[in-house]
N, C-alpha and C. Protein backbone atom coordinates (compact mmCIF):
# COMPACT_ATOMS: atom_id res chain seq x y z
N MET A 1 13.45 -9.66 -2.83
CA MET A 1 13.10 -8.30 -3.46
C MET A 1 12.40 -7.60 -2.20
N LYS A 2 12.65 -6.23 -2.30
CA LYS A 2 12.11 -5.46 -1.14
C LYS A 2 11.36 -4.19 -1.68
N ILE A 3 10.18 -3.92 -0.99
CA ILE A 3 9.46 -2.73 -1.19
C ILE A 3 9.81 -1.80 -0.08
N THR A 4 10.23 -0.62 -0.27
CA THR A 4 10.15 0.32 0.78
C THR A 4 9.19 1.55 0.68
N VAL A 5 8.55 1.71 1.77
CA VAL A 5 7.49 2.77 1.90
C VAL A 5 7.92 3.75 2.82
N THR A 6 8.38 4.98 2.24
CA THR A 6 8.78 5.97 3.21
C THR A 6 7.65 6.95 3.42
N ARG A 7 7.20 7.01 4.53
CA ARG A 7 6.03 7.93 4.90
C ARG A 7 6.65 9.30 5.06
N PHE A 8 6.21 10.36 4.39
CA PHE A 8 6.95 11.64 4.57
C PHE A 8 6.00 12.83 4.96
N VAL A 9 4.53 12.56 4.84
CA VAL A 9 3.61 13.65 5.34
C VAL A 9 2.33 13.05 5.65
N SER A 10 1.67 13.49 6.66
CA SER A 10 0.47 12.97 7.14
C SER A 10 -0.44 14.08 7.90
N ASP A 11 -1.65 13.72 7.94
CA ASP A 11 -2.56 14.72 8.57
C ASP A 11 -3.55 13.84 9.47
N ASN A 12 -4.63 14.33 9.80
CA ASN A 12 -5.63 13.65 10.69
C ASN A 12 -6.36 12.62 10.08
N ASP A 13 -6.17 12.48 8.60
CA ASP A 13 -6.95 11.43 7.81
C ASP A 13 -5.99 10.52 7.00
N SER A 14 -4.94 11.04 6.61
CA SER A 14 -4.16 10.39 5.55
C SER A 14 -2.60 10.52 5.80
N THR A 15 -1.99 9.48 4.96
CA THR A 15 -0.47 9.47 5.06
C THR A 15 -0.03 9.32 3.68
N ILE A 16 0.87 10.19 3.15
CA ILE A 16 1.54 9.85 1.80
C ILE A 16 2.99 9.45 1.98
N SER A 17 3.37 8.54 0.98
CA SER A 17 4.57 7.97 1.09
C SER A 17 5.22 7.96 -0.26
N LEU A 18 6.52 7.56 -0.33
CA LEU A 18 7.21 7.21 -1.60
C LEU A 18 7.26 5.70 -1.53
N ILE A 19 7.10 5.08 -2.65
CA ILE A 19 7.25 3.49 -2.83
C ILE A 19 8.44 3.27 -3.70
N MET A 20 9.20 2.49 -3.20
CA MET A 20 10.44 2.10 -4.07
C MET A 20 10.47 0.58 -4.05
N VAL A 21 11.09 0.01 -5.08
CA VAL A 21 11.34 -1.35 -5.26
C VAL A 21 12.77 -1.50 -5.45
N ASP A 22 13.29 -2.32 -4.51
CA ASP A 22 14.84 -2.43 -4.48
C ASP A 22 15.60 -1.11 -4.80
N GLY A 23 15.23 -0.01 -4.10
CA GLY A 23 15.91 1.22 -4.12
C GLY A 23 15.43 2.19 -5.18
N VAL A 24 14.55 1.74 -6.14
CA VAL A 24 14.24 2.58 -7.18
C VAL A 24 12.80 3.08 -6.94
N PHE A 25 12.50 4.38 -7.09
CA PHE A 25 11.26 5.06 -6.90
C PHE A 25 10.34 4.55 -8.06
N VAL A 26 9.15 3.98 -7.57
CA VAL A 26 8.10 3.51 -8.52
C VAL A 26 6.77 4.42 -8.53
N CYS A 27 6.43 4.80 -7.42
CA CYS A 27 5.16 5.49 -7.15
C CYS A 27 5.03 6.16 -5.84
N PHE A 28 3.83 6.63 -5.58
CA PHE A 28 3.36 7.21 -4.35
C PHE A 28 2.55 6.24 -3.79
N GLY A 29 2.40 6.41 -2.49
CA GLY A 29 1.47 5.60 -1.63
C GLY A 29 0.58 6.44 -0.72
N LEU A 30 -0.61 6.00 -0.39
CA LEU A 30 -1.59 6.75 0.38
C LEU A 30 -2.12 5.62 1.35
N GLU A 31 -2.15 6.07 2.61
CA GLU A 31 -2.75 5.19 3.76
C GLU A 31 -3.58 5.94 4.70
N ASP A 32 -4.17 5.33 5.58
CA ASP A 32 -4.90 6.09 6.81
C ASP A 32 -3.94 6.69 7.57
N GLU A 33 -4.40 7.37 8.51
CA GLU A 33 -3.39 8.22 9.60
C GLU A 33 -2.93 7.40 10.61
N TYR A 34 -1.85 7.88 11.29
CA TYR A 34 -1.11 7.11 12.39
C TYR A 34 -2.33 7.38 13.55
N ARG A 35 -2.38 6.35 14.31
CA ARG A 35 -3.15 6.38 15.61
C ARG A 35 -2.38 5.56 16.59
N ALA A 36 -2.16 5.99 17.78
CA ALA A 36 -1.57 5.27 18.84
C ALA A 36 -2.34 4.06 19.27
N ALA A 37 -3.64 4.22 19.21
CA ALA A 37 -4.51 2.96 19.54
C ALA A 37 -5.30 2.82 18.12
N LYS A 38 -5.30 1.44 17.75
CA LYS A 38 -5.92 1.19 16.39
C LYS A 38 -7.36 1.42 16.48
N VAL A 39 -7.91 1.86 15.43
CA VAL A 39 -9.27 1.93 15.10
C VAL A 39 -9.56 1.25 13.77
N ALA A 40 -10.15 0.03 13.93
CA ALA A 40 -10.52 -0.79 12.68
C ALA A 40 -10.87 0.09 11.52
N GLY A 41 -10.08 -0.29 10.37
CA GLY A 41 -10.33 0.32 9.06
C GLY A 41 -9.91 1.90 8.88
N GLU A 42 -9.30 2.41 9.91
CA GLU A 42 -8.91 3.80 10.04
C GLU A 42 -7.55 4.05 10.55
N THR A 43 -6.75 2.93 10.59
CA THR A 43 -5.44 3.19 11.05
C THR A 43 -4.32 2.45 10.10
N ARG A 44 -3.32 3.36 9.96
CA ARG A 44 -2.28 2.68 9.04
C ARG A 44 -1.50 1.67 10.04
N ILE A 45 -0.91 0.74 9.26
CA ILE A 45 -0.11 -0.26 9.97
C ILE A 45 1.20 0.31 10.51
N PRO A 46 1.62 -0.41 11.56
CA PRO A 46 3.01 0.22 12.18
C PRO A 46 4.06 0.03 11.30
N ALA A 47 5.05 1.15 11.42
CA ALA A 47 6.26 0.94 10.71
C ALA A 47 6.96 -0.47 11.10
N GLY A 48 7.61 -0.91 10.29
CA GLY A 48 8.55 -2.17 10.39
C GLY A 48 8.68 -2.79 9.02
N GLU A 49 9.18 -4.12 9.21
CA GLU A 49 9.40 -4.86 8.04
C GLU A 49 8.44 -6.24 8.14
N TYR A 50 7.84 -6.37 6.91
CA TYR A 50 6.86 -7.68 6.98
C TYR A 50 7.16 -8.30 5.59
N LYS A 51 6.72 -9.57 5.52
CA LYS A 51 6.63 -10.41 4.44
C LYS A 51 5.31 -9.92 3.52
N VAL A 52 5.52 -10.12 2.22
CA VAL A 52 4.21 -9.83 1.30
C VAL A 52 3.97 -11.05 0.55
N GLY A 53 2.80 -11.67 0.77
CA GLY A 53 2.39 -12.85 0.02
C GLY A 53 1.18 -12.53 -0.91
N VAL A 54 0.58 -13.60 -1.33
CA VAL A 54 -0.39 -13.21 -2.32
C VAL A 54 -1.78 -14.02 -1.86
N ARG A 55 -2.95 -13.07 -1.95
CA ARG A 55 -4.19 -13.69 -1.34
C ARG A 55 -5.00 -13.96 -2.74
N ASN A 56 -5.53 -15.05 -2.86
CA ASN A 56 -6.28 -15.46 -4.05
C ASN A 56 -7.81 -15.78 -3.61
N VAL A 57 -8.30 -15.07 -2.62
CA VAL A 57 -9.80 -15.20 -2.27
C VAL A 57 -10.19 -13.74 -1.90
N GLY A 58 -11.55 -13.59 -1.77
CA GLY A 58 -12.21 -12.37 -1.35
C GLY A 58 -12.43 -11.49 -2.54
N GLY A 59 -13.21 -10.52 -2.21
CA GLY A 59 -13.92 -9.42 -3.20
C GLY A 59 -12.84 -8.82 -4.05
N PHE A 60 -11.82 -8.43 -3.45
CA PHE A 60 -10.79 -7.73 -4.25
C PHE A 60 -10.21 -8.69 -5.30
N ASP A 61 -9.69 -9.88 -4.84
CA ASP A 61 -9.25 -10.84 -5.78
C ASP A 61 -10.20 -10.99 -6.99
N ALA A 62 -11.41 -11.26 -6.70
CA ALA A 62 -12.36 -11.51 -7.68
C ALA A 62 -12.67 -10.14 -8.66
N ARG A 63 -12.72 -9.08 -8.11
CA ARG A 63 -12.81 -7.79 -9.08
C ARG A 63 -11.55 -7.62 -9.81
N TYR A 64 -10.38 -7.72 -9.22
CA TYR A 64 -9.19 -7.56 -9.94
C TYR A 64 -8.75 -8.58 -10.95
N ALA A 65 -9.41 -9.77 -10.81
CA ALA A 65 -9.15 -10.84 -11.82
C ALA A 65 -9.91 -10.46 -13.12
N THR A 66 -10.96 -9.61 -12.97
CA THR A 66 -11.53 -9.04 -14.11
C THR A 66 -11.06 -7.70 -14.59
N LYS A 67 -10.88 -6.77 -13.69
CA LYS A 67 -10.31 -5.46 -13.83
C LYS A 67 -8.89 -5.55 -14.50
N PHE A 68 -8.11 -6.39 -14.03
CA PHE A 68 -6.65 -6.52 -14.47
C PHE A 68 -6.41 -7.81 -14.97
N ALA A 69 -7.29 -8.43 -15.73
CA ALA A 69 -7.18 -9.81 -16.24
C ALA A 69 -5.76 -9.94 -16.94
N ASP A 70 -5.19 -9.00 -17.41
CA ASP A 70 -3.91 -9.21 -18.20
C ASP A 70 -2.63 -9.44 -17.37
N ILE A 71 -2.85 -9.04 -16.07
CA ILE A 71 -1.61 -9.00 -15.19
C ILE A 71 -1.91 -9.71 -13.87
N HIS A 72 -3.17 -9.95 -13.49
CA HIS A 72 -3.53 -10.29 -12.19
C HIS A 72 -3.22 -11.75 -11.86
N ASP A 73 -2.55 -11.93 -10.72
CA ASP A 73 -2.07 -13.36 -10.14
C ASP A 73 -2.40 -13.27 -8.71
N GLY A 74 -3.40 -12.74 -8.17
CA GLY A 74 -3.70 -12.67 -6.66
C GLY A 74 -3.36 -11.22 -6.14
N MET A 75 -3.85 -11.02 -5.16
CA MET A 75 -3.70 -9.60 -4.35
C MET A 75 -2.42 -9.65 -3.64
N LEU A 76 -1.80 -8.62 -3.72
CA LEU A 76 -0.53 -8.45 -2.72
C LEU A 76 -1.02 -8.12 -1.30
N HIS A 77 -0.56 -9.13 -0.45
CA HIS A 77 -1.07 -9.21 0.97
C HIS A 77 0.06 -8.98 1.89
N ILE A 78 0.14 -7.91 2.70
CA ILE A 78 1.00 -7.58 3.76
C ILE A 78 0.70 -8.64 4.88
N LEU A 79 1.71 -9.46 5.39
CA LEU A 79 1.52 -10.54 6.22
C LEU A 79 2.07 -10.18 7.53
N ASP A 80 1.21 -10.91 8.55
CA ASP A 80 1.67 -10.95 10.03
C ASP A 80 2.15 -9.49 10.62
N VAL A 81 1.04 -8.66 10.44
CA VAL A 81 1.06 -7.35 11.01
C VAL A 81 0.34 -7.50 12.37
N PRO A 82 0.98 -7.37 13.29
CA PRO A 82 0.23 -7.52 14.77
C PRO A 82 -1.04 -6.76 14.78
N GLY A 83 -2.12 -7.42 15.24
CA GLY A 83 -3.52 -6.56 15.26
C GLY A 83 -4.12 -6.20 14.04
N PHE A 84 -3.51 -6.65 12.78
CA PHE A 84 -4.13 -6.16 11.61
C PHE A 84 -4.32 -7.47 10.76
N GLU A 85 -5.45 -7.57 9.88
CA GLU A 85 -5.65 -8.66 8.90
C GLU A 85 -6.07 -7.94 7.59
N TYR A 86 -5.66 -8.78 6.56
CA TYR A 86 -6.07 -8.67 5.24
C TYR A 86 -5.53 -7.13 4.71
N ILE A 87 -4.29 -6.85 4.87
CA ILE A 87 -3.77 -5.63 4.45
C ILE A 87 -3.21 -5.89 3.01
N LEU A 88 -3.88 -5.10 2.12
CA LEU A 88 -3.62 -5.36 0.69
C LEU A 88 -2.93 -4.11 0.16
N ILE A 89 -2.45 -4.35 -1.02
CA ILE A 89 -1.94 -3.11 -1.82
C ILE A 89 -2.83 -3.07 -3.06
N HIS A 90 -3.40 -1.95 -3.26
CA HIS A 90 -4.44 -1.75 -4.29
C HIS A 90 -4.51 -0.36 -4.76
N VAL A 91 -5.61 -0.24 -5.79
CA VAL A 91 -5.81 1.16 -6.31
C VAL A 91 -6.92 1.92 -5.44
N GLY A 92 -6.72 3.17 -5.57
CA GLY A 92 -7.52 4.07 -4.97
C GLY A 92 -6.93 5.58 -4.89
N ASN A 93 -7.72 6.37 -4.37
CA ASN A 93 -7.26 7.87 -4.55
C ASN A 93 -7.13 8.56 -3.09
N THR A 94 -8.12 8.29 -2.27
CA THR A 94 -8.14 8.94 -0.94
C THR A 94 -8.31 8.07 0.19
N ASP A 95 -8.25 8.52 1.35
CA ASP A 95 -8.54 7.55 2.54
C ASP A 95 -9.79 6.94 2.48
N GLU A 96 -10.77 7.42 1.85
CA GLU A 96 -12.09 6.86 1.72
C GLU A 96 -12.01 5.43 1.06
N ASP A 97 -10.88 5.30 0.20
CA ASP A 97 -10.73 4.08 -0.65
C ASP A 97 -9.91 3.20 0.08
N THR A 98 -9.44 3.28 1.26
CA THR A 98 -8.77 2.39 2.10
C THR A 98 -9.26 2.26 3.37
N ALA A 99 -9.11 0.91 3.90
CA ALA A 99 -9.40 0.57 5.27
C ALA A 99 -8.23 -0.08 5.84
N GLY A 100 -7.19 0.68 5.92
CA GLY A 100 -5.80 0.42 6.40
C GLY A 100 -4.90 -0.11 5.43
N CYS A 101 -5.33 -0.32 4.15
CA CYS A 101 -4.46 -0.99 3.13
C CYS A 101 -3.61 0.19 2.55
N LEU A 102 -2.73 -0.20 1.69
CA LEU A 102 -1.83 0.77 1.02
C LEU A 102 -2.34 0.94 -0.40
N LEU A 103 -2.48 2.12 -0.97
CA LEU A 103 -3.03 2.70 -2.21
C LEU A 103 -1.71 3.08 -3.00
N VAL A 104 -1.80 2.86 -4.19
CA VAL A 104 -0.49 3.37 -5.09
C VAL A 104 -1.30 4.42 -6.05
N GLY A 105 -0.21 5.39 -6.33
CA GLY A 105 -0.60 6.43 -7.30
C GLY A 105 0.54 7.10 -8.05
N GLU A 106 0.44 7.50 -9.41
CA GLU A 106 1.59 8.15 -9.96
C GLU A 106 1.78 9.56 -9.52
N LEU A 107 0.63 10.12 -9.07
CA LEU A 107 0.73 11.61 -8.51
C LEU A 107 0.39 11.73 -7.14
N ALA A 108 0.75 12.74 -6.42
CA ALA A 108 0.42 12.87 -5.10
C ALA A 108 0.14 14.31 -4.72
N ASP A 109 -0.95 14.58 -3.96
CA ASP A 109 -1.34 15.84 -3.47
C ASP A 109 -1.18 15.81 -1.79
N PRO A 110 -0.18 16.55 -1.20
CA PRO A 110 -0.01 16.30 0.12
C PRO A 110 -0.69 17.44 0.81
N ALA A 111 -1.60 18.16 0.28
CA ALA A 111 -2.28 19.31 1.01
C ALA A 111 -2.97 18.84 2.19
N PRO A 112 -2.75 19.34 3.31
CA PRO A 112 -3.56 18.87 4.61
C PRO A 112 -4.98 18.94 4.38
N GLY A 113 -5.80 17.90 4.67
CA GLY A 113 -7.19 17.74 4.62
C GLY A 113 -7.67 17.43 3.32
N LYS A 114 -6.76 17.35 2.37
CA LYS A 114 -7.08 17.03 1.02
C LYS A 114 -6.12 16.00 0.40
N MET A 115 -5.27 15.31 1.21
CA MET A 115 -4.32 14.36 0.70
C MET A 115 -5.02 13.36 -0.21
N MET A 116 -4.36 13.15 -1.37
CA MET A 116 -4.71 12.14 -2.19
C MET A 116 -3.61 11.61 -3.18
N VAL A 117 -3.89 10.47 -3.86
CA VAL A 117 -2.78 10.07 -4.91
C VAL A 117 -3.73 10.09 -6.18
N GLY A 118 -3.02 10.26 -7.35
CA GLY A 118 -3.74 10.28 -8.61
C GLY A 118 -3.19 9.28 -9.59
N ARG A 119 -3.83 8.94 -10.61
CA ARG A 119 -3.35 7.90 -11.69
C ARG A 119 -3.05 6.54 -10.88
N SER A 120 -3.99 6.18 -10.14
CA SER A 120 -3.75 5.02 -9.22
C SER A 120 -3.66 3.74 -10.15
N VAL A 121 -4.59 3.67 -11.21
CA VAL A 121 -4.69 2.33 -11.96
C VAL A 121 -3.39 2.31 -12.76
N ALA A 122 -2.79 3.45 -13.24
CA ALA A 122 -1.42 3.30 -13.92
C ALA A 122 -0.34 3.07 -13.12
N ALA A 123 -0.40 3.49 -11.87
CA ALA A 123 0.72 3.19 -11.01
C ALA A 123 0.59 1.66 -10.70
N TYR A 124 -0.57 1.09 -10.46
CA TYR A 124 -0.69 -0.18 -10.12
C TYR A 124 -0.22 -1.09 -11.27
N ARG A 125 -0.51 -0.75 -12.56
CA ARG A 125 0.01 -1.44 -13.62
C ARG A 125 1.47 -1.38 -13.92
N THR A 126 2.07 -0.46 -13.31
CA THR A 126 3.59 -0.42 -13.39
C THR A 126 4.03 -1.28 -12.27
N PHE A 127 3.56 -1.02 -10.92
CA PHE A 127 4.13 -1.66 -9.64
C PHE A 127 3.88 -3.05 -9.58
N TYR A 128 2.73 -3.44 -9.80
CA TYR A 128 2.24 -4.81 -9.51
C TYR A 128 3.10 -5.80 -10.26
N PRO A 129 3.23 -5.67 -11.68
CA PRO A 129 4.13 -6.77 -12.33
C PRO A 129 5.57 -6.82 -12.01
N MET A 130 6.12 -5.73 -11.32
CA MET A 130 7.42 -5.70 -10.76
C MET A 130 7.77 -6.67 -9.58
N VAL A 131 6.61 -6.67 -8.87
CA VAL A 131 6.84 -7.53 -7.71
C VAL A 131 5.97 -8.98 -7.40
N ILE A 132 5.15 -9.22 -8.23
CA ILE A 132 4.17 -10.32 -8.09
C ILE A 132 5.03 -11.62 -8.15
N LYS A 133 5.86 -11.83 -8.89
CA LYS A 133 6.61 -13.08 -9.05
C LYS A 133 7.41 -13.18 -7.80
N ALA A 134 7.95 -12.26 -7.05
CA ALA A 134 8.68 -12.31 -6.02
C ALA A 134 7.71 -12.75 -4.92
N ALA A 135 6.67 -12.08 -4.74
CA ALA A 135 5.44 -12.44 -3.72
C ALA A 135 5.13 -14.03 -4.00
N ARG A 136 4.84 -14.38 -5.18
CA ARG A 136 4.45 -15.66 -5.28
C ARG A 136 5.55 -16.81 -4.87
N ALA A 137 6.77 -16.35 -5.16
CA ALA A 137 7.85 -17.17 -4.62
C ALA A 137 8.20 -17.01 -3.20
N GLY A 138 7.58 -16.17 -2.37
CA GLY A 138 7.73 -16.10 -1.01
C GLY A 138 9.01 -15.16 -0.73
N ASN A 139 9.46 -14.45 -1.78
CA ASN A 139 10.69 -13.62 -1.69
C ASN A 139 10.48 -12.12 -1.75
N LEU A 140 9.32 -11.75 -1.27
CA LEU A 140 9.04 -10.25 -1.24
C LEU A 140 8.83 -9.78 0.15
N SER A 141 9.49 -8.69 0.49
CA SER A 141 9.35 -8.05 1.76
C SER A 141 8.93 -6.54 1.59
N ILE A 142 8.40 -5.98 2.77
CA ILE A 142 7.98 -4.52 2.66
C ILE A 142 8.46 -3.87 3.93
N GLU A 143 9.15 -2.81 3.85
CA GLU A 143 9.78 -2.05 4.95
C GLU A 143 8.98 -0.77 4.92
N ILE A 144 8.50 -0.48 6.02
CA ILE A 144 7.65 0.82 6.12
C ILE A 144 8.37 1.70 7.09
N VAL A 145 8.70 2.92 6.78
CA VAL A 145 9.55 3.81 7.49
C VAL A 145 8.79 5.11 7.82
N ASP A 146 8.72 5.52 8.95
CA ASP A 146 8.02 6.78 9.24
C ASP A 146 8.89 8.01 9.40
N LEU A 147 8.80 8.73 8.38
CA LEU A 147 9.50 10.06 8.42
C LEU A 147 8.61 11.33 8.65
N ASP A 148 7.36 11.11 8.87
CA ASP A 148 6.31 11.99 8.88
C ASP A 148 6.05 12.39 10.41
N ARG A 149 6.52 11.70 11.29
CA ARG A 149 6.13 11.92 12.64
C ARG A 149 7.36 12.57 13.38
N GLY A 150 8.50 12.96 12.94
CA GLY A 150 9.70 13.39 13.59
C GLY A 150 10.35 12.31 14.40
N ALA A 151 11.38 12.61 15.27
CA ALA A 151 12.09 11.61 15.92
C ALA A 151 11.45 11.20 17.26
């Protein structure tokens, strides 16, 4: 199974993308901005293809075990990103809610300086159950494509 994140607009703080699962649009994504040199907690991961695993430790896992008790089976964790650790897929609305992770939302506002995703919990409740079994089985990848930066 494959998640595709197509980044289509960005500014000095945020990046908005389309998130598809096996070629079908599911929701929007929001990440931090592109930086040529990484700044911890303020830089999106490089475009490329990565495995997605499951993380069952840490604060997010503990909070989501309560907040999403009906569906939670560990945090979706983007693995083996050079120079990055603990990149998760989770809920949130603005770049203030992410430290390099990928946020999901049903709505997106691409206005420069005000980028955000909305209805994040609803998007997570749709997206997460679609992919968690594949992640648990070691059969989930994520491809991140940059269309926001030109050729």
